[in-house]
Amino acid sequence: MCSLKKRQRLDGLLLLYSVVDSQTFVNLKHWIKVLREVIPSAKIMLVGHKLDLCLKDPTNRQVTQSEAKAFAFQNKMLYSEASGLVYHNVEETFNGLFESKNMIFA
């Protein structure tokens, strides 16, 4: 975790899970709780990563996009999927978080 001074200036962060590993998705509840306690005002974007493995073979996916979107909505987070390996949706993901600074979460 970053220092207290840095945490106080944090406006947003990316919380990643692997779309091909359901245990990483299950672990999100714990990490959201920790983040909300430590940085309550930060906007969080949930990002499903390793999307390239699903683009190659859709049977690799263990967490559906609809399941992840519903989870993000329930936890008042933005949502995106990306692959750093093939640079799929990476820029859009970061831009979405930067633009969300002015968004109001229900």
Protein backbone atom coordinates (compact mmCIF):
# COMPACT_ATOMS: atom_id res chain seq x y z
CA MET A 1 0.00 0.00 0.00
CA CYS A 2 1.11 3.53 -0.65
CA SER A 3 1.90 6.01 2.08
CA LEU A 4 -0.90 7.90 3.86
CA LYS A 5 0.03 11.17 2.13
CA LYS A 6 -0.22 9.59 -1.30
CA ARG A 7 -3.50 7.87 -0.45
CA GLN A 8 -5.11 11.19 0.51
CA ARG A 9 -4.41 12.54 -3.00
CA LEU A 10 -5.69 9.47 -4.82
CA ASP A 11 -8.70 10.25 -7.03
CA GLY A 12 -9.09 6.93 -8.80
CA LEU A 13 -7.66 3.47 -9.17
CA LEU A 14 -7.91 0.33 -11.23
CA LEU A 15 -8.87 -2.92 -9.52
CA LEU A 16 -7.94 -5.87 -11.72
CA TYR A 17 -9.10 -9.45 -11.86
CA SER A 18 -8.35 -12.12 -14.43
CA VAL A 19 -11.21 -13.07 -16.76
CA VAL A 20 -9.64 -16.54 -17.00
CA ASP A 21 -9.31 -17.13 -13.23
CA SER A 22 -12.56 -17.05 -11.27
CA GLN A 23 -10.75 -17.03 -7.90
CA THR A 24 -9.40 -13.54 -8.64
CA PHE A 25 -13.01 -12.42 -9.14
CA VAL A 26 -14.10 -14.04 -5.86
CA ASN A 27 -11.29 -12.18 -4.05
CA LEU A 28 -12.63 -8.80 -5.19
CA LYS A 29 -15.02 -8.50 -2.24
CA HIS A 30 -12.08 -8.47 0.15
CA TRP A 31 -10.11 -5.92 -1.87
CA ILE A 32 -13.07 -3.59 -2.30
CA LYS A 33 -13.61 -3.58 1.45
CA VAL A 34 -9.94 -2.76 2.07
CA LEU A 35 -9.88 -0.02 -0.56
CA ARG A 36 -13.11 1.61 0.67
CA GLU A 37 -11.70 1.71 4.21
CA VAL A 38 -8.32 3.11 3.21
CA ILE A 39 -9.35 5.40 0.34
CA PRO A 40 -13.10 5.99 0.68
CA SER A 41 -13.36 8.85 -1.83
CA ALA A 42 -11.45 7.22 -4.70
CA LYS A 43 -13.30 6.22 -7.86
CA ILE A 44 -12.66 2.56 -8.64
CA MET A 45 -12.70 0.99 -12.07
CA LEU A 46 -12.99 -2.77 -12.15
CA VAL A 47 -10.91 -4.18 -15.00
CA GLY A 48 -11.07 -7.69 -16.34
CA HIS A 49 -7.62 -8.36 -17.72
CA LYS A 50 -6.00 -11.13 -19.76
CA LEU A 51 -8.73 -10.63 -22.32
CA ASP A 52 -6.33 -11.80 -25.04
CA LEU A 53 -6.69 -15.37 -23.74
CA CYS A 54 -10.45 -15.18 -24.36
CA LEU A 55 -10.04 -13.60 -27.76
CA LYS A 56 -7.90 -16.58 -28.78
CA ASP A 57 -10.23 -19.15 -27.26
CA PRO A 58 -13.57 -18.05 -25.74
CA THR A 59 -13.75 -21.24 -23.66
CA ASN A 60 -10.89 -19.87 -21.51
CA ARG A 61 -13.23 -17.29 -19.94
CA GLN A 62 -14.22 -18.11 -16.35
CA VAL A 63 -15.93 -14.82 -15.48
CA THR A 64 -18.62 -13.59 -17.84
CA GLN A 65 -18.76 -9.97 -18.85
CA SER A 66 -22.36 -9.68 -17.65
CA GLU A 67 -21.44 -11.12 -14.22
CA ALA A 68 -18.56 -8.65 -13.87
CA LYS A 69 -20.62 -5.67 -15.06
CA ALA A 70 -23.36 -6.50 -12.55
CA PHE A 71 -20.77 -6.77 -9.76
CA ALA A 72 -19.26 -3.41 -10.74
CA PHE A 73 -22.69 -1.77 -10.81
CA GLN A 74 -23.61 -3.19 -7.39
CA ASN A 75 -20.36 -1.83 -5.96
CA LYS A 76 -20.64 1.58 -7.69
CA MET A 77 -17.59 1.04 -9.87
CA LEU A 78 -16.84 1.64 -13.50
CA TYR A 79 -16.11 -1.44 -15.60
CA SER A 80 -13.83 -2.36 -18.47
CA GLU A 81 -12.01 -5.32 -19.97
CA ALA A 82 -8.55 -5.12 -21.47
CA SER A 83 -5.41 -6.92 -22.53
CA GLY A 84 -2.03 -5.35 -21.97
CA LEU A 85 -0.38 -8.09 -23.99
CA VAL A 86 -2.12 -7.17 -27.25
CA TYR A 87 -2.96 -3.61 -26.12
CA HIS A 88 -6.70 -4.20 -26.50
CA ASN A 89 -8.84 -1.50 -24.83
CA VAL A 90 -5.96 -0.27 -22.63
CA GLU A 91 -6.09 3.40 -23.59
CA GLU A 92 -9.90 3.43 -23.42
CA THR A 93 -9.77 1.93 -19.93
CA PHE A 94 -7.44 4.60 -18.58
CA ASN A 95 -9.36 7.37 -20.34
CA GLY A 96 -12.59 6.06 -18.83
CA LEU A 97 -11.16 6.37 -15.34
CA PHE A 98 -9.74 9.86 -15.99
CA GLU A 99 -13.05 11.05 -17.42
CA SER A 100 -14.98 9.57 -14.49
CA LYS A 101 -13.56 12.18 -12.13
CA ASN A 102 -16.59 14.30 -13.00
CA MET A 103 -19.08 11.42 -12.81
CA ILE A 104 -21.53 11.02 -9.98
CA PHE A 105 -22.06 7.47 -8.73
CA ALA A 106 -25.59 6.51 -7.72
